[in-house]
Amino acid sequence: DAFEALREIGKQRQRQACSSWNIVNGLKVRATAVYQEDDSSEREGNLFCYRVTLQNESGRRVRLVGRHWYVIDANGKVSGELPEAARTIENGAPDLLPGQGLEYYSGVDVATEEGKMCGAL
């Protein structure tokens, strides 16, 4: 149905607007967050699921030895944090050869309906 297709296009645009990426030393990092409205109605906070995609665009092997992410709500309060040097990506510290990538998913409850995710690998 055409209206369903238009709704899906709207969802895709929203996901694109809630996505950011950066390339540092040949490693492309993209983070995309999606508000989970249906699941948030049963919780105290607002549930956001996020996907982090890593792509080695350099000409050398890259080893991921840790990550540190934190989520800040619209009031400036830290709503969730993955500790510095957390080694929980794909069995610890994976090597990415040139052209290889990986992605992982997680989620966090945020007190406000807006926020931001910051961090480092």
N, C-alpha and C. Protein backbone atom coordinates (compact mmCIF):
# COMPACT_ATOMS: atom_id res chain seq x y z
N ASP A 1 0.84 -1.17 0.00
CA ASP A 1 0.00 0.00 0.00
C ASP A 1 0.89 1.25 0.00
N ALA A 2 0.49 2.25 -0.75
CA ALA A 2 1.31 3.46 -0.92
C ALA A 2 1.50 4.22 0.38
N PHE A 3 0.47 4.26 1.24
CA PHE A 3 0.61 4.99 2.50
C PHE A 3 1.61 4.30 3.43
N GLU A 4 1.61 2.97 3.42
CA GLU A 4 2.59 2.24 4.23
C GLU A 4 4.01 2.52 3.74
N ALA A 5 4.19 2.60 2.42
CA ALA A 5 5.50 2.92 1.86
C ALA A 5 5.94 4.32 2.28
N LEU A 6 5.02 5.27 2.29
CA LEU A 6 5.35 6.64 2.73
C LEU A 6 5.72 6.67 4.21
N ARG A 7 5.01 5.90 5.02
CA ARG A 7 5.35 5.83 6.45
C ARG A 7 6.76 5.25 6.63
N GLU A 8 7.08 4.23 5.86
CA GLU A 8 8.41 3.63 5.95
C GLU A 8 9.50 4.61 5.51
N ILE A 9 9.25 5.38 4.48
CA ILE A 9 10.21 6.41 4.05
C ILE A 9 10.40 7.43 5.17
N GLY A 10 9.33 7.82 5.84
CA GLY A 10 9.44 8.74 6.97
C GLY A 10 10.30 8.18 8.09
N LYS A 11 10.14 6.90 8.38
CA LYS A 11 10.96 6.24 9.41
C LYS A 11 12.43 6.23 9.01
N GLN A 12 12.69 5.95 7.73
CA GLN A 12 14.07 5.93 7.25
C GLN A 12 14.71 7.31 7.34
N ARG A 13 13.95 8.34 7.02
CA ARG A 13 14.48 9.72 7.15
C ARG A 13 14.78 10.05 8.60
N GLN A 14 13.92 9.62 9.50
CA GLN A 14 14.15 9.87 10.93
C GLN A 14 15.43 9.17 11.38
N ARG A 15 15.64 7.92 10.95
CA ARG A 15 16.85 7.20 11.33
C ARG A 15 18.09 7.91 10.79
N GLN A 16 17.99 8.41 9.56
CA GLN A 16 19.13 9.11 8.97
C GLN A 16 19.43 10.38 9.77
N ALA A 17 18.39 11.08 10.22
CA ALA A 17 18.59 12.30 11.00
C ALA A 17 19.19 11.99 12.36
N CYS A 18 19.00 10.78 12.86
CA CYS A 18 19.52 10.38 14.18
C CYS A 18 20.80 9.58 14.04
N SER A 19 21.55 9.85 12.99
CA SER A 19 22.76 9.11 12.71
C SER A 19 23.91 10.08 12.49
N SER A 20 25.07 9.69 12.95
CA SER A 20 26.25 10.51 12.69
C SER A 20 27.44 9.58 12.43
N TRP A 21 28.43 10.12 11.75
CA TRP A 21 29.62 9.32 11.47
C TRP A 21 30.84 10.21 11.44
N ASN A 22 32.00 9.56 11.60
CA ASN A 22 33.27 10.25 11.57
C ASN A 22 34.33 9.24 11.14
N ILE A 23 35.37 9.71 10.49
CA ILE A 23 36.50 8.86 10.13
C ILE A 23 37.73 9.42 10.84
N VAL A 24 38.38 8.56 11.61
CA VAL A 24 39.60 8.93 12.32
C VAL A 24 40.65 7.85 12.04
N ASN A 25 41.78 8.26 11.52
CA ASN A 25 42.87 7.34 11.18
C ASN A 25 42.39 6.17 10.33
N GLY A 26 41.46 6.44 9.42
CA GLY A 26 40.99 5.41 8.50
C GLY A 26 39.90 4.51 9.05
N LEU A 27 39.46 4.71 10.28
CA LEU A 27 38.38 3.91 10.85
C LEU A 27 37.10 4.74 10.82
N LYS A 28 36.13 4.28 10.05
CA LYS A 28 34.84 4.98 9.96
C LYS A 28 33.92 4.44 11.05
N VAL A 29 33.37 5.35 11.84
CA VAL A 29 32.46 4.99 12.92
C VAL A 29 31.13 5.67 12.66
N ARG A 30 30.07 4.88 12.60
CA ARG A 30 28.72 5.42 12.42
C ARG A 30 27.88 4.95 13.61
N ALA A 31 27.18 5.91 14.23
CA ALA A 31 26.26 5.60 15.33
C ALA A 31 24.87 6.07 14.93
N THR A 32 23.90 5.18 15.09
CA THR A 32 22.51 5.48 14.76
C THR A 32 21.64 5.12 15.96
N ALA A 33 20.81 6.06 16.39
CA ALA A 33 19.91 5.82 17.52
C ALA A 33 18.46 5.88 17.04
N VAL A 34 17.63 5.02 17.62
CA VAL A 34 16.22 4.97 17.28
C VAL A 34 15.41 4.91 18.57
N TYR A 35 14.47 5.82 18.70
CA TYR A 35 13.57 5.85 19.85
C TYR A 35 12.58 4.70 19.75
N GLN A 36 12.43 3.94 20.82
CA GLN A 36 11.53 2.79 20.85
C GLN A 36 10.24 3.17 21.58
N GLU A 37 9.36 3.84 20.86
CA GLU A 37 8.15 4.38 21.46
C GLU A 37 7.30 3.31 22.13
N ASP A 38 7.07 2.19 21.46
CA ASP A 38 6.22 1.13 22.02
C ASP A 38 6.78 0.58 23.32
N ASP A 39 8.10 0.37 23.37
CA ASP A 39 8.71 -0.16 24.58
C ASP A 39 8.84 0.88 25.68
N SER A 40 8.92 2.17 25.32
CA SER A 40 9.09 3.23 26.31
C SER A 40 7.83 3.44 27.14
N SER A 41 6.67 3.13 26.61
CA SER A 41 5.43 3.36 27.34
C SER A 41 5.33 2.49 28.58
N GLU A 42 6.07 1.40 28.63
CA GLU A 42 6.04 0.48 29.77
C GLU A 42 7.21 0.70 30.72
N ARG A 43 8.00 1.75 30.52
CA ARG A 43 9.21 1.98 31.32
C ARG A 43 9.15 3.35 31.99
N GLU A 44 10.07 3.57 32.90
CA GLU A 44 10.18 4.89 33.54
C GLU A 44 10.83 5.89 32.60
N GLY A 45 11.77 5.45 31.80
CA GLY A 45 12.47 6.35 30.89
C GLY A 45 12.05 6.16 29.46
N ASN A 46 12.82 6.72 28.58
CA ASN A 46 12.61 6.61 27.14
C ASN A 46 13.69 5.68 26.59
N LEU A 47 13.27 4.59 26.00
CA LEU A 47 14.23 3.60 25.51
C LEU A 47 14.71 3.97 24.11
N PHE A 48 16.01 4.04 23.98
CA PHE A 48 16.66 4.25 22.69
C PHE A 48 17.54 3.05 22.41
N CYS A 49 17.42 2.51 21.22
CA CYS A 49 18.34 1.47 20.77
C CYS A 49 19.32 2.13 19.82
N TYR A 50 20.55 1.66 19.87
CA TYR A 50 21.53 2.24 18.97
C TYR A 50 22.36 1.15 18.30
N ARG A 51 22.84 1.49 17.13
CA ARG A 51 23.70 0.60 16.36
C ARG A 51 25.00 1.36 16.08
N VAL A 52 26.11 0.71 16.34
CA VAL A 52 27.42 1.27 16.03
C VAL A 52 28.05 0.40 14.96
N THR A 53 28.43 1.03 13.85
CA THR A 53 29.05 0.33 12.73
C THR A 53 30.47 0.84 12.59
N LEU A 54 31.42 -0.08 12.50
CA LEU A 54 32.83 0.26 12.33
C LEU A 54 33.30 -0.32 11.00
N GLN A 55 34.04 0.49 10.24
CA GLN A 55 34.55 0.04 8.94
C GLN A 55 35.99 0.51 8.81
N ASN A 56 36.91 -0.43 8.59
CA ASN A 56 38.31 -0.10 8.42
C ASN A 56 38.54 0.33 6.97
N GLU A 57 38.71 1.63 6.77
CA GLU A 57 38.95 2.18 5.43
C GLU A 57 40.42 2.53 5.22
N SER A 58 41.25 2.10 6.16
CA SER A 58 42.69 2.36 6.02
C SER A 58 43.33 1.22 5.24
N GLY A 59 44.60 1.33 5.00
CA GLY A 59 45.33 0.29 4.30
C GLY A 59 46.06 -0.65 5.24
N ARG A 60 45.73 -0.59 6.53
CA ARG A 60 46.42 -1.43 7.51
C ARG A 60 45.43 -2.08 8.47
N ARG A 61 45.91 -3.06 9.19
CA ARG A 61 45.10 -3.73 10.20
C ARG A 61 44.87 -2.80 11.38
N VAL A 62 43.66 -2.82 11.92
CA VAL A 62 43.31 -1.99 13.08
C VAL A 62 42.83 -2.93 14.19
N ARG A 63 43.37 -2.77 15.38
CA ARG A 63 42.93 -3.56 16.53
C ARG A 63 42.11 -2.66 17.46
N LEU A 64 40.91 -3.11 17.77
CA LEU A 64 40.04 -2.38 18.70
C LEU A 64 40.29 -2.90 20.10
N VAL A 65 40.93 -2.08 20.92
CA VAL A 65 41.31 -2.54 22.26
C VAL A 65 40.34 -2.07 23.33
N GLY A 66 39.41 -1.21 22.99
CA GLY A 66 38.44 -0.76 23.99
C GLY A 66 37.53 0.28 23.40
N ARG A 67 36.54 0.65 24.19
CA ARG A 67 35.58 1.68 23.78
C ARG A 67 35.04 2.35 25.03
N HIS A 68 34.58 3.57 24.86
CA HIS A 68 34.01 4.34 25.98
C HIS A 68 32.89 5.20 25.42
N TRP A 69 31.65 4.85 25.73
CA TRP A 69 30.50 5.60 25.26
C TRP A 69 29.73 6.13 26.45
N TYR A 70 29.13 7.28 26.29
CA TYR A 70 28.18 7.76 27.28
C TYR A 70 27.06 8.50 26.58
N VAL A 71 25.88 8.45 27.20
CA VAL A 71 24.67 9.06 26.66
C VAL A 71 24.25 10.16 27.60
N ILE A 72 24.02 11.35 27.06
CA ILE A 72 23.65 12.52 27.85
C ILE A 72 22.23 12.92 27.46
N ASP A 73 21.36 13.11 28.46
CA ASP A 73 19.99 13.51 28.14
C ASP A 73 19.92 15.00 27.85
N ALA A 74 18.74 15.51 27.52
CA ALA A 74 18.57 16.91 27.13
C ALA A 74 18.86 17.88 28.27
N ASN A 75 18.89 17.39 29.51
CA ASN A 75 19.20 18.23 30.67
C ASN A 75 20.69 18.21 31.02
N GLY A 76 21.50 17.50 30.24
CA GLY A 76 22.93 17.43 30.49
C GLY A 76 23.34 16.34 31.46
N LYS A 77 22.40 15.49 31.87
CA LYS A 77 22.70 14.41 32.82
C LYS A 77 23.11 13.16 32.05
N VAL A 78 24.14 12.48 32.54
CA VAL A 78 24.57 11.23 31.93
C VAL A 78 23.54 10.16 32.25
N SER A 79 22.94 9.60 31.21
CA SER A 79 21.89 8.59 31.38
C SER A 79 22.44 7.17 31.28
N GLY A 80 23.54 7.00 30.63
CA GLY A 80 24.13 5.67 30.48
C GLY A 80 25.58 5.81 30.09
N GLU A 81 26.38 4.85 30.54
CA GLU A 81 27.81 4.92 30.24
C GLU A 81 28.36 3.52 30.09
N LEU A 82 29.19 3.34 29.08
CA LEU A 82 29.96 2.13 28.91
C LEU A 82 31.37 2.51 29.34
N PRO A 83 31.90 1.88 30.39
CA PRO A 83 33.18 2.31 30.97
C PRO A 83 34.32 2.33 29.97
N GLU A 84 35.29 3.17 30.26
CA GLU A 84 36.47 3.27 29.42
C GLU A 84 37.14 1.91 29.29
N ALA A 85 37.60 1.60 28.09
CA ALA A 85 38.31 0.36 27.78
C ALA A 85 37.43 -0.87 27.94
N ALA A 86 36.10 -0.73 27.82
CA ALA A 86 35.21 -1.89 27.86
C ALA A 86 35.57 -2.81 26.70
N ARG A 87 35.81 -4.06 27.00
CA ARG A 87 36.27 -5.01 25.98
C ARG A 87 35.17 -6.01 25.66
N THR A 88 34.05 -5.52 25.23
CA THR A 88 32.93 -6.41 24.97
C THR A 88 32.52 -6.43 23.51
N ILE A 89 33.35 -5.92 22.63
CA ILE A 89 33.03 -5.98 21.20
C ILE A 89 33.52 -7.31 20.66
N GLU A 90 32.61 -8.10 20.10
CA GLU A 90 33.00 -9.31 19.36
C GLU A 90 34.15 -10.07 20.02
N ASN A 91 33.94 -10.55 21.20
CA ASN A 91 34.93 -11.38 21.90
C ASN A 91 36.21 -10.64 22.25
N GLY A 92 36.09 -9.42 22.71
CA GLY A 92 37.27 -8.72 23.21
C GLY A 92 37.82 -7.69 22.27
N ALA A 93 39.02 -7.91 21.76
CA ALA A 93 39.74 -6.92 20.97
C ALA A 93 39.93 -7.43 19.54
N PRO A 94 38.92 -7.27 18.69
CA PRO A 94 39.04 -7.80 17.33
C PRO A 94 40.01 -7.00 16.47
N ASP A 95 40.57 -7.69 15.50
CA ASP A 95 41.37 -7.05 14.46
C ASP A 95 40.48 -6.85 13.25
N LEU A 96 40.55 -5.67 12.65
CA LEU A 96 39.84 -5.40 11.40
C LEU A 96 40.89 -5.20 10.32
N LEU A 97 40.88 -6.08 9.34
CA LEU A 97 41.78 -5.94 8.21
C LEU A 97 41.22 -4.85 7.28
N PRO A 98 42.04 -4.31 6.38
CA PRO A 98 41.53 -3.29 5.47
C PRO A 98 40.26 -3.76 4.77
N GLY A 99 39.24 -2.93 4.78
CA GLY A 99 37.97 -3.25 4.16
C GLY A 99 36.99 -3.99 5.05
N GLN A 100 37.44 -4.53 6.17
CA GLN A 100 36.55 -5.26 7.07
C GLN A 100 35.80 -4.30 8.00
N GLY A 101 34.69 -4.78 8.51
CA GLY A 101 33.91 -3.99 9.44
C GLY A 101 33.14 -4.88 10.39
N LEU A 102 32.49 -4.27 11.34
CA LEU A 102 31.61 -4.97 12.25
C LEU A 102 30.58 -3.99 12.76
N GLU A 103 29.50 -4.52 13.31
CA GLU A 103 28.50 -3.66 13.93
C GLU A 103 27.96 -4.36 15.16
N TYR A 104 27.49 -3.56 16.09
CA TYR A 104 26.85 -4.12 17.27
C TYR A 104 25.71 -3.20 17.68
N TYR A 105 24.83 -3.76 18.49
CA TYR A 105 23.61 -3.07 18.89
C TYR A 105 23.52 -3.07 20.40
N SER A 106 22.89 -2.04 20.94
CA SER A 106 22.62 -2.00 22.36
C SER A 106 21.48 -1.01 22.59
N GLY A 107 21.21 -0.70 23.85
CA GLY A 107 20.14 0.23 24.17
C GLY A 107 20.37 0.90 25.51
N VAL A 108 19.63 1.98 25.73
CA VAL A 108 19.78 2.74 26.97
C VAL A 108 18.47 3.47 27.26
N ASP A 109 18.13 3.58 28.54
CA ASP A 109 17.00 4.39 28.97
C ASP A 109 17.48 5.82 29.21
N VAL A 110 16.76 6.78 28.65
CA VAL A 110 17.11 8.20 28.79
C VAL A 110 15.92 8.91 29.41
N ALA A 111 16.17 9.80 30.38
CA ALA A 111 15.08 10.48 31.10
C ALA A 111 14.28 11.40 30.19
N THR A 112 14.93 11.98 29.19
CA THR A 112 14.25 12.92 28.29
C THR A 112 14.07 12.28 26.92
N GLU A 113 13.28 12.90 26.08
CA GLU A 113 13.03 12.34 24.74
C GLU A 113 14.13 12.68 23.74
N GLU A 114 15.08 13.48 24.15
CA GLU A 114 16.22 13.82 23.30
C GLU A 114 17.51 13.68 24.10
N GLY A 115 18.58 13.48 23.41
CA GLY A 115 19.88 13.36 24.07
C GLY A 115 20.96 13.21 23.02
N LYS A 116 22.15 12.90 23.47
CA LYS A 116 23.26 12.68 22.54
C LYS A 116 24.17 11.59 23.07
N MET A 117 24.84 10.95 22.14
CA MET A 117 25.77 9.88 22.46
C MET A 117 27.16 10.35 22.07
N CYS A 118 28.11 10.21 22.97
CA CYS A 118 29.48 10.62 22.73
C CYS A 118 30.40 9.48 23.12
N GLY A 119 31.61 9.50 22.63
CA GLY A 119 32.53 8.46 23.05
C GLY A 119 33.75 8.35 22.18
N ALA A 120 34.47 7.26 22.42
CA ALA A 120 35.72 7.02 21.73
C ALA A 120 35.99 5.52 21.67
N LEU A 121 36.82 5.16 20.70
CA LEU A 121 37.31 3.79 20.58
C LEU A 121 38.76 3.77 20.94
